[in-house]
Protein backbone atom coordinates (compact mmCIF):
# COMPACT_ATOMS: atom_id res chain seq x y z
CA MET A 1 24.86 11.27 16.89
CA TYR A 2 24.99 11.10 13.15
CA ASP A 3 28.58 12.51 12.68
CA ASP A 4 30.26 9.30 13.47
CA THR A 5 31.13 6.44 11.13
CA ILE A 6 28.78 3.52 10.80
CA THR A 7 29.13 0.03 9.32
CA ALA A 8 26.69 -2.82 8.29
CA ILE A 9 26.34 -5.78 6.05
CA ALA A 10 24.41 -4.55 3.12
CA THR A 11 23.61 -8.11 1.42
CA PRO A 12 21.27 -10.52 2.47
CA VAL A 13 22.38 -13.09 5.13
CA GLY A 14 23.31 -16.60 3.73
CA GLU A 15 25.59 -18.14 1.04
CA GLY A 16 26.23 -16.20 -2.08
CA GLY A 17 28.87 -15.04 -4.57
CA ILE A 18 29.39 -11.64 -3.03
CA GLY A 19 28.76 -10.08 0.48
CA ILE A 20 29.17 -6.35 0.87
CA ILE A 21 30.11 -4.50 4.15
CA ARG A 22 29.15 -0.76 3.77
CA LEU A 23 30.92 2.23 5.52
CA SER A 24 29.42 5.64 5.84
CA GLY A 25 30.98 8.75 7.83
CA PRO A 26 34.06 10.87 8.17
CA GLU A 27 36.30 7.98 9.13
CA SER A 28 35.23 5.50 6.56
CA GLY A 29 38.52 5.77 4.65
CA ALA A 30 40.87 5.75 7.54
CA ILE A 31 38.90 2.64 9.17
CA ALA A 32 39.18 0.86 5.66
CA SER A 33 42.92 1.79 5.44
CA ARG A 34 43.71 -0.23 8.67
CA LEU A 35 42.34 -3.32 7.17
CA PHE A 36 42.95 -3.05 3.27
CA ARG A 37 46.00 -4.30 1.73
CA ARG A 38 47.08 -4.21 -1.96
CA GLY A 39 49.65 -6.04 -4.07
CA ARG A 40 51.47 -9.48 -3.48
CA ARG A 41 53.44 -7.77 -0.58
CA LEU A 42 50.11 -6.68 1.04
CA ARG A 43 51.05 -2.96 1.05
CA SER A 44 48.98 -0.81 3.39
CA THR A 45 46.93 1.75 1.32
CA GLU A 46 45.59 5.12 2.35
CA VAL A 47 42.14 4.67 0.97
CA ASP A 48 41.12 8.38 1.13
CA LYS A 49 43.83 8.96 -1.45
CA LEU A 50 42.20 6.25 -3.86
CA GLU A 51 40.32 7.76 -6.72
CA SER A 52 36.76 7.96 -6.00
CA HIS A 53 34.12 5.78 -7.60
CA ARG A 54 36.56 3.03 -8.79
CA LEU A 55 36.90 -0.47 -7.71
CA TYR A 56 40.42 -1.74 -6.36
CA TYR A 57 41.45 -5.50 -5.74
CA GLY A 58 43.06 -6.35 -2.62
CA HIS A 59 42.63 -8.22 0.72
CA VAL A 60 41.45 -7.75 4.17
CA VAL A 61 43.83 -8.42 6.89
CA ASP A 62 43.33 -8.42 10.59
CA PRO A 63 45.75 -5.67 11.72
CA ALA A 64 46.20 -7.50 15.24
CA SER A 65 47.71 -10.75 13.67
CA GLU A 66 48.35 -9.93 9.93
CA ARG A 67 46.24 -12.56 9.04
CA ILE A 68 44.45 -12.62 5.73
CA VAL A 69 40.68 -12.76 6.20
CA ASP A 70 39.59 -12.60 2.71
CA GLU A 71 40.44 -11.47 -1.07
CA VAL A 72 38.09 -8.66 -1.76
CA MET A 73 37.26 -5.53 -4.04
CA LEU A 74 37.04 -2.22 -2.38
CA SER A 75 35.28 0.98 -3.74
CA ARG A 76 35.68 4.34 -2.20
CA MET A 77 33.10 7.09 -2.90
CA ALA A 78 33.83 10.57 -1.79
CA GLY A 79 30.75 12.57 -0.46
CA PRO A 80 28.68 14.28 -1.30
CA ARG A 81 28.34 11.92 -4.50
CA THR A 82 27.20 9.10 -2.34
CA TYR A 83 23.92 7.45 -1.08
CA THR A 84 24.33 9.15 2.26
CA ARG A 85 26.16 12.40 0.95
CA GLU A 86 28.92 11.29 3.32
CA ASP A 87 32.38 9.40 2.53
CA VAL A 88 31.40 5.64 1.77
CA VAL A 89 33.52 2.58 1.40
CA GLU A 90 32.00 -0.61 0.17
CA ILE A 91 34.15 -3.87 0.70
CA SER A 92 32.98 -6.62 -1.55
CA CYS A 93 34.22 -10.05 -0.28
CA HIS A 94 33.20 -13.52 -0.66
CA GLY A 95 29.43 -14.19 0.29
CA GLY A 96 29.53 -16.90 2.96
CA PRO A 97 28.25 -16.04 6.35
CA VAL A 98 31.82 -16.28 7.98
CA PRO A 99 33.82 -13.92 5.93
CA ILE A 100 31.19 -11.32 5.86
CA ARG A 101 30.85 -11.32 9.47
CA GLU A 102 34.53 -11.46 10.15
CA VAL A 103 35.10 -8.27 7.79
CA LEU A 104 32.35 -6.53 9.62
CA LYS A 105 33.85 -7.26 13.08
CA LEU A 106 37.24 -5.78 11.80
CA THR A 107 35.53 -2.65 10.67
CA ILE A 108 33.97 -2.30 14.41
CA ASP A 109 37.10 -3.25 15.85
CA ALA A 110 38.87 -0.54 13.89
CA GLY A 111 36.57 2.31 15.03
CA ALA A 112 32.85 2.06 13.15
CA ARG A 113 29.80 1.74 14.91
CA GLU A 114 27.37 -1.03 13.82
CA ALA A 115 24.54 0.74 12.11
CA GLU A 116 21.03 0.84 13.20
CA PRO A 117 18.20 -0.36 10.85
CA GLY A 118 17.69 1.94 8.08
CA GLU A 119 20.48 4.34 9.17
CA PHE A 120 22.10 4.75 6.03
CA THR A 121 18.65 5.88 4.31
CA LEU A 122 18.03 8.04 7.49
CA ARG A 123 21.31 9.81 6.94
CA ALA A 124 20.50 10.48 3.01
CA PHE A 125 17.32 12.04 4.34
CA LEU A 126 18.85 14.18 7.04
CA ASN A 127 21.78 15.36 4.65
CA GLY A 128 19.11 16.47 2.10
CA ARG A 129 19.81 13.80 -0.68
CA ILE A 130 16.10 12.58 -0.55
CA ASP A 131 12.96 13.73 1.29
CA LEU A 132 10.93 11.55 3.54
CA SER A 133 8.67 10.25 0.84
CA GLN A 134 11.41 9.11 -1.15
CA ALA A 135 13.08 7.56 1.84
CA GLU A 136 9.95 5.51 2.38
CA ALA A 137 9.97 4.58 -1.22
CA VAL A 138 13.37 2.93 -0.87
CA MET A 139 11.42 0.23 1.34
CA SER A 140 8.57 -0.02 -1.29
CA VAL A 141 11.26 -0.91 -3.85
CA VAL A 142 13.22 -3.46 -1.60
CA SER A 143 9.79 -5.19 -0.74
CA ALA A 144 8.11 -5.02 -4.33
CA GLN A 145 6.53 -8.27 -4.96
CA THR A 146 5.42 -7.35 -8.72
CA SER A 147 6.78 -5.57 -11.72
CA GLU A 148 4.12 -3.07 -11.56
CA SER A 149 4.60 -2.31 -7.82
CA LEU A 150 8.35 -2.01 -8.47
CA GLU A 151 7.88 0.44 -11.28
CA MET A 152 5.54 2.51 -8.99
CA ALA A 153 7.83 2.44 -6.13
CA VAL A 154 10.92 3.56 -8.43
CA ASN A 155 8.66 6.32 -9.59
CA GLU A 156 8.15 7.55 -5.94
CA LEU A 157 11.72 7.14 -5.33
CA ARG A 158 12.43 9.62 -7.99
CA GLY A 159 9.95 12.07 -6.04
CA ARG A 160 6.75 11.59 -7.80
CA LEU A 161 4.71 12.02 -4.69
CA THR A 162 6.27 15.12 -3.52
CA GLY A 163 5.92 16.48 -6.95
CA ARG A 164 2.29 15.87 -6.90
CA LEU A 165 1.87 17.52 -3.52
CA THR A 166 3.88 20.43 -4.59
CA PRO A 167 0.95 22.51 -5.97
CA ALA A 168 -1.22 21.84 -2.86
CA ARG A 169 1.79 22.91 -0.68
CA GLU A 170 2.37 26.07 -2.62
CA ALA A 171 -1.19 26.98 -2.61
CA LEU A 172 -1.50 26.52 1.32
CA LEU A 173 1.66 28.28 1.55
CA GLU A 174 0.52 31.30 -0.38
CA GLY A 175 -2.82 31.36 1.42
CA LEU A 176 -1.03 31.05 4.93
CA ALA A 177 1.22 33.82 4.28
CA PHE A 178 -1.59 36.12 3.36
CA LEU A 179 -3.66 35.16 6.35
CA ASP A 180 -0.73 35.62 8.97
CA ALA A 181 0.31 39.13 7.32
CA ALA A 182 -3.53 40.39 7.38
CA ALA A 183 -3.58 39.24 11.16
CA ASP A 184 -0.04 40.88 11.98
CA PHE A 185 -0.37 43.93 9.95
CA PRO A 186 -4.09 44.94 9.80
CA GLU A 187 -3.29 48.52 8.90
CA ASP A 188 -0.83 48.01 6.03
CA GLU A 189 -1.78 47.49 2.49
CA ILE A 190 -1.40 43.84 1.62
CA PRO A 191 -1.66 42.43 -1.76
CA PRO A 192 -4.85 40.80 -2.10
CA VAL A 193 -5.00 36.94 -2.39
CA ASP A 194 -8.24 35.09 -2.96
CA VAL A 195 -7.84 32.70 -0.08
CA PRO A 196 -11.09 30.58 -0.83
CA GLU A 197 -9.83 30.03 -4.52
CA VAL A 198 -6.46 28.94 -2.94
CA LEU A 199 -7.82 26.59 -0.77
CA GLN A 200 -10.08 25.09 -3.50
CA ARG A 201 -6.90 24.46 -5.52
CA ALA A 202 -5.33 22.80 -2.35
CA GLU A 203 -8.41 20.66 -1.74
CA GLN A 204 -8.59 19.58 -5.37
CA ARG A 205 -4.94 18.50 -5.63
CA LEU A 206 -5.06 16.73 -1.96
CA GLY A 207 -8.24 15.14 -2.91
CA GLU A 208 -6.89 13.70 -6.07
CA VAL A 209 -3.72 12.22 -4.41
CA LEU A 210 -5.84 10.72 -1.55
CA GLU A 211 -8.27 9.21 -3.86
CA SER A 212 -5.44 7.54 -5.79
CA SER A 213 -3.61 6.38 -2.59
CA GLN A 214 -6.18 3.49 -2.07
CA MET A 215 -5.21 1.90 -5.29
CA GLY A 216 -1.62 2.53 -4.62
CA LEU A 217 -1.84 0.81 -1.19
CA LEU A 218 -3.20 -2.40 -2.90
CA TYR A 219 -0.04 -2.38 -5.27
CA ARG A 220 2.06 -1.61 -2.26
CA GLU A 221 0.60 -3.86 0.44
CA GLY A 222 -1.29 -6.44 -1.36
CA VAL A 223 -4.59 -8.12 -0.64
CA GLN A 224 -5.74 -11.46 0.74
CA ILE A 225 -8.30 -13.47 -1.43
CA ALA A 226 -10.14 -16.35 0.55
CA ILE A 227 -11.36 -19.19 -1.54
CA VAL A 228 -14.20 -20.70 0.17
CA GLY A 229 -17.02 -23.30 -0.26
CA ARG A 230 -18.18 -26.71 0.92
CA PRO A 231 -15.71 -29.74 0.88
CA ASN A 232 -14.85 -30.97 -2.46
CA VAL A 233 -16.14 -28.50 -5.03
CA GLY A 234 -12.59 -27.63 -6.28
CA LYS A 235 -11.26 -24.96 -3.99
CA SER A 236 -7.67 -26.49 -3.99
CA SER A 237 -7.89 -27.25 -7.57
CA LEU A 238 -8.83 -23.51 -8.20
CA MET A 239 -5.89 -22.56 -6.07
CA ASN A 240 -3.29 -24.85 -7.95
CA THR A 241 -4.80 -23.56 -11.30
CA LEU A 242 -4.42 -19.70 -10.16
CA LEU A 243 -0.76 -20.75 -9.09
CA ARG A 244 -0.09 -22.52 -12.14
CA SER A 245 1.45 -25.05 -9.76
CA ASP A 246 0.38 -28.07 -7.56
CA ARG A 247 0.50 -26.43 -4.30
CA ALA A 248 -2.49 -27.89 -2.63
CA ILE A 249 -3.45 -31.43 -2.33
CA VAL A 250 -6.39 -32.59 -4.69
CA THR A 251 -8.20 -36.00 -4.24
CA GLU A 252 -11.60 -37.28 -4.77
CA ILE A 253 -11.98 -37.49 -0.73
CA ALA A 254 -13.86 -34.58 0.69
CA GLY A 255 -12.04 -32.58 3.37
CA THR A 256 -8.60 -33.10 2.01
CA THR A 257 -7.71 -29.40 3.23
CA ARG A 258 -7.89 -29.20 6.84
CA ASP A 259 -6.10 -25.77 7.43
CA VAL A 260 -5.75 -22.63 5.70
CA ILE A 261 -2.91 -22.84 2.90
CA THR A 262 -1.54 -19.61 1.73
CA GLU A 263 0.45 -18.70 -1.38
CA THR A 264 0.99 -15.28 -3.19
CA ILE A 265 0.30 -14.58 -7.05
CA ASN A 266 0.60 -11.65 -9.18
CA LEU A 267 -2.99 -10.50 -9.92
CA ARG A 268 -2.76 -7.97 -12.84
CA GLY A 269 0.20 -6.22 -10.95
CA ILE A 270 -1.48 -6.49 -7.33
CA PRO A 271 0.29 -8.87 -4.95
CA ALA A 272 -2.49 -11.28 -3.97
CA THR A 273 -2.30 -13.87 -1.19
CA LEU A 274 -4.56 -16.86 -1.71
CA LEU A 275 -6.07 -18.44 1.11
CA ASP A 276 -7.11 -22.16 0.33
CA THR A 277 -9.70 -22.73 3.22
CA ALA A 278 -11.01 -26.05 4.71
CA GLY A 279 -14.42 -26.78 3.28
CA ILE A 280 -17.19 -25.16 5.47
CA ALA A 281 -19.63 -28.11 6.56
CA GLU A 282 -20.84 -29.58 9.74
CA THR A 283 -18.54 -32.24 11.01
CA GLU A 284 -17.73 -34.35 14.05
CA ASP A 285 -14.08 -34.36 13.31
CA VAL A 286 -12.13 -32.33 15.93
CA VAL A 287 -9.27 -31.49 13.34
CA GLU A 288 -11.64 -30.66 10.59
CA ARG A 289 -13.47 -28.35 12.97
CA ILE A 290 -10.47 -26.29 13.80
CA GLY A 291 -9.51 -26.02 10.12
CA ILE A 292 -13.28 -24.76 9.53
CA ASP A 293 -12.96 -22.11 12.28
CA ARG A 294 -9.93 -20.90 10.88
CA SER A 295 -11.72 -20.62 7.61
CA ARG A 296 -14.22 -18.41 8.99
CA GLN A 297 -11.37 -16.36 10.67
CA ALA A 298 -9.85 -16.16 7.24
CA LEU A 299 -13.09 -14.42 5.73
CA ASP A 300 -12.61 -11.61 8.29
CA THR A 301 -9.31 -10.63 6.95
CA ALA A 302 -9.79 -11.21 3.25
CA GLY A 303 -10.25 -8.29 0.88
CA VAL A 304 -12.33 -10.46 -1.47
CA ALA A 305 -13.82 -13.87 -1.17
CA ILE A 306 -14.28 -16.46 -3.97
CA PHE A 307 -17.41 -18.46 -3.42
CA VAL A 308 -16.87 -22.01 -5.19
CA LEU A 309 -19.92 -23.94 -6.32
CA ASP A 310 -19.96 -27.41 -7.90
CA GLY A 311 -22.04 -26.72 -11.30
CA SER A 312 -22.15 -30.42 -12.13
CA GLN A 313 -24.25 -31.12 -8.83
CA PRO A 314 -27.41 -29.83 -7.29
CA LEU A 315 -27.28 -27.32 -4.38
CA THR A 316 -26.60 -29.10 -0.97
CA GLU A 317 -27.41 -27.86 2.55
CA ALA A 318 -23.81 -27.45 2.89
CA ASP A 319 -23.80 -25.02 0.02
CA ARG A 320 -26.68 -23.10 1.38
CA GLN A 321 -24.94 -22.73 4.72
CA VAL A 322 -21.73 -21.35 3.20
CA GLY A 323 -24.00 -19.10 1.01
CA GLN A 324 -25.75 -17.75 4.17
CA LEU A 325 -22.35 -17.05 6.06
CA LEU A 326 -21.07 -15.10 2.92
CA ALA A 327 -24.29 -13.15 2.66
CA ASN A 328 -23.96 -12.06 6.30
CA ARG A 329 -20.65 -10.71 5.53
CA PHE A 330 -20.63 -9.64 1.87
CA GLY A 331 -24.32 -9.45 0.98
CA SER A 332 -24.89 -5.66 0.80
CA ALA A 333 -24.98 -4.24 -2.69
CA GLU A 334 -22.24 -1.60 -1.46
CA ASP A 335 -19.91 -4.28 -0.59
CA ARG A 336 -17.95 -5.51 -3.59
CA ARG A 337 -15.95 -8.04 -1.86
CA LEU A 338 -17.36 -11.28 -3.41
CA VAL A 339 -16.98 -13.23 -6.61
CA ILE A 340 -18.98 -16.55 -7.12
CA ALA A 341 -17.18 -19.22 -9.15
CA VAL A 342 -19.40 -22.10 -10.59
CA ASN A 343 -16.93 -24.77 -11.07
CA LYS A 344 -16.66 -27.95 -13.25
CA ARG A 345 -18.37 -26.62 -16.47
CA ASP A 346 -16.68 -29.17 -18.50
CA LEU A 347 -18.89 -31.96 -17.06
CA PRO A 348 -22.26 -32.56 -19.06
CA GLU A 349 -24.74 -32.36 -16.19
CA ARG A 350 -25.16 -28.63 -15.42
CA HIS A 351 -27.17 -26.87 -12.54
CA ASP A 352 -27.79 -23.11 -12.69
CA HIS A 353 -28.03 -22.72 -8.73
CA ARG A 354 -30.44 -19.69 -9.36
CA GLU A 355 -31.94 -20.41 -5.83
CA LEU A 356 -28.83 -19.49 -4.16
CA LEU A 357 -27.17 -16.97 -6.65
CA ASP A 358 -30.50 -14.62 -6.65
CA GLN A 359 -29.56 -13.61 -3.07
CA PHE A 360 -26.41 -12.19 -4.25
CA GLU A 361 -27.52 -9.07 -6.13
CA ASP A 362 -24.96 -7.56 -8.52
CA THR A 363 -22.40 -10.34 -7.45
CA PRO A 364 -20.09 -11.26 -10.38
CA VAL A 365 -20.62 -14.92 -11.34
CA VAL A 366 -18.05 -16.66 -13.36
CA GLU A 367 -18.34 -20.35 -14.87
CA MET A 368 -15.07 -22.19 -14.94
CA SER A 369 -13.54 -25.36 -15.19
CA THR A 370 -10.21 -25.90 -13.09
CA VAL A 371 -9.65 -29.30 -15.08
CA ALA A 372 -10.02 -27.50 -18.54
CA GLY A 373 -8.62 -24.34 -17.50
CA GLU A 374 -11.68 -22.41 -18.85
CA GLY A 375 -12.84 -19.08 -17.38
CA ILE A 376 -9.82 -18.77 -15.22
CA SER A 377 -8.88 -15.34 -16.79
CA GLU A 378 -12.47 -14.10 -16.57
CA LEU A 379 -12.51 -15.06 -12.87
CA GLU A 380 -9.18 -13.10 -12.29
CA ARG A 381 -10.58 -10.05 -14.00
CA ALA A 382 -13.62 -10.30 -11.64
CA VAL A 383 -11.58 -10.30 -8.63
CA TYR A 384 -9.41 -7.49 -9.97
CA ASP A 385 -12.65 -5.51 -10.79
CA CYS A 386 -13.91 -6.09 -7.09
CA LEU A 387 -10.52 -4.50 -5.85
CA VAL A 388 -10.88 -1.59 -8.10
CA ALA A 389 -14.49 -1.11 -7.06
CA GLN A 390 -13.49 -0.92 -3.49
CA ALA A 391 -10.20 1.31 -3.91
CA GLY A 392 -11.46 3.29 -6.69
CA GLU A 393 -9.71 3.26 -10.20
CA ALA A 394 -6.89 5.77 -10.35
CA ARG A 395 -5.17 6.78 -13.60
CA GLU A 396 -2.02 7.42 -11.47
CA PRO A 397 -2.00 5.48 -8.30
CA ALA A 398 -0.04 7.23 -5.53
CA MET A 399 2.12 4.25 -4.01
CA VAL A 400 1.77 5.61 -0.48
CA THR A 401 2.28 3.96 2.98
CA LEU A 402 -0.65 3.91 5.48
CA ARG A 403 1.27 6.77 7.41
CA GLN A 404 1.28 8.89 4.48
CA GLN A 405 -2.31 8.25 3.50
CA GLN A 406 -3.40 9.30 7.03
CA ALA A 407 -1.43 12.29 6.79
CA LEU A 408 -3.20 13.36 3.50
CA GLY A 409 -6.38 12.59 5.22
CA ARG A 410 -5.60 15.04 8.05
CA ALA A 411 -4.46 17.53 5.44
CA LEU A 412 -7.52 17.37 3.41
CA ASP A 413 -9.88 17.68 6.65
CA HIS A 414 -8.09 20.79 7.76
CA VAL A 415 -8.38 22.43 4.36
CA ARG A 416 -12.12 21.54 4.06
CA SER A 417 -12.40 22.95 7.70
CA ALA A 418 -10.67 26.30 6.78
CA ARG A 419 -12.88 26.73 3.73
CA GLN A 420 -15.95 26.02 5.86
CA ALA A 421 -14.66 28.53 8.52
CA LEU A 422 -14.14 31.28 5.69
CA GLU A 423 -17.86 30.70 4.57
CA ASP A 424 -19.00 30.92 8.15
CA GLY A 425 -17.32 34.52 8.62
CA VAL A 426 -14.68 33.14 11.34
CA PRO A 427 -11.71 35.43 11.89
CA GLN A 428 -8.91 35.06 9.47
CA ASP A 429 -6.32 34.46 12.29
CA LEU A 430 -8.56 31.22 13.34
CA VAL A 431 -8.63 30.13 9.71
CA ALA A 432 -5.00 30.32 9.74
CA VAL A 433 -4.79 27.66 12.32
CA ASP A 434 -6.28 25.18 10.09
CA VAL A 435 -4.36 26.05 7.14
CA ARG A 436 -1.04 25.75 9.05
CA SER A 437 -2.30 22.31 10.40
CA ALA A 438 -2.82 21.31 6.72
CA MET A 439 0.82 22.59 5.81
CA MET A 440 2.17 20.66 8.81
CA ALA A 441 0.31 17.23 7.75
CA VAL A 442 1.83 17.72 4.11
CA GLY A 443 5.16 18.39 5.73
CA GLU A 444 5.02 15.02 7.66
CA ILE A 445 4.94 13.24 4.22
CA THR A 446 7.73 15.23 2.67
CA GLY A 447 9.81 15.45 5.94
CA GLU A 448 9.73 19.14 6.43
CA GLN A 449 7.61 18.80 9.60
CA VAL A 450 8.45 15.38 11.18
CA SER A 451 9.03 14.42 14.84
CA GLU A 452 11.91 12.43 15.86
CA SER A 453 9.40 9.59 16.95
CA ILE A 454 7.92 9.34 13.49
CA LEU A 455 11.54 8.91 12.00
CA THR A 456 12.33 6.34 14.65
CA GLU A 457 8.89 4.56 13.51
CA ILE A 458 9.75 4.71 9.85
CA PHE A 459 13.35 3.59 9.80
CA SER A 460 13.12 0.91 12.55
CA ARG A 461 11.36 -1.26 9.71
CA PHE A 462 14.26 -1.05 7.44
CA CYS A 463 16.99 -3.91 7.44
CA ILE A 464 20.34 -2.79 9.07
CA GLY A 465 22.17 -2.41 6.03
CA LYS A 466 20.09 0.03 3.97
């Protein structure tokens, strides 16, 4: 299936300065030769004879009618020094949707097959240019929302995750080779291996990577932050302040926000989606009730909630109701998903709200003012600290996918099971079963042990031109 020539649009859909059609496969040059003309007389060009990794000016012509379709730049890149390690041709035309589609259609009519989602990167993996963890890092680079997550994704693209797993893989391989040899040749002299020590090394390294993966997932996937409270305590003002723009409507009228408004910010490198919720209170208004129900639902998906109180007014029954709702969800001492923001500290009349705050033991409380811009950085830091407390602060976060994290967990479980089996005196050939399973789980990350269904699931999430 992967020995033919594929084609796809490699740039985003829409109007732009340049649109790129990419060809990859053995017939890339021959197909491009049928379309590409050079010079005033539109001379036919044998693209395969052009110097590799250079740009050439010319036109794309419909060979059926000799009609000029667009003025283009063409680059021929001879394998294996290409993204896919195959012969690649890229045609840069004008970036309008019509010329891009026209050129793409001509490449298909000339013999190319339209690429499946992620097929260029899949070919790079199958041809040994990158391993599977690097292939998945490509998507992380494309979808990075902050400079910090981009830097981490680029490091993974360079093979950092595989490098961090290499010591564990080598230890498992050493232990498995000894266990298999001891089982197959029990009467021969086999160089001794301290299997418990080898497995301990593998467990330590896998544990380190898995521990750092939760923080890496935060940088990769982001987090939702729900801003909750009764009406008119300053939730929308807080959202606007965190966004540094007027996204939510702010008035003196209570209940202005009637639905959940979402916007994304960069929270110290973590992509964070703010959820400005409708004020939670008893109401007879049907529309308001729907918005309040959605606010309660937003709490179920949020990684952190910011409970906003009005420090210039005494507590109300609505404040107590919201407090009880949050206490039921985030009230345990182990749950680090709540930050309390006491707003309007710029106003002269102040209330400490001890009656309510005392029920949230060890929950960070930040006094702030959205009008004066005071306490905002402290609030951001408190929310960030909550996320770190949940994920576990890592000196070197592993920018993993959920699939990779699950494979890491399985590998670690098998190693621990093998160590326990050794301590219990289980026969070595049975211990080898767990060690081999751990090896296979690590191989699912690097691509050494991966099924076609996993490859299909991974690359189906890519865009067609990548």
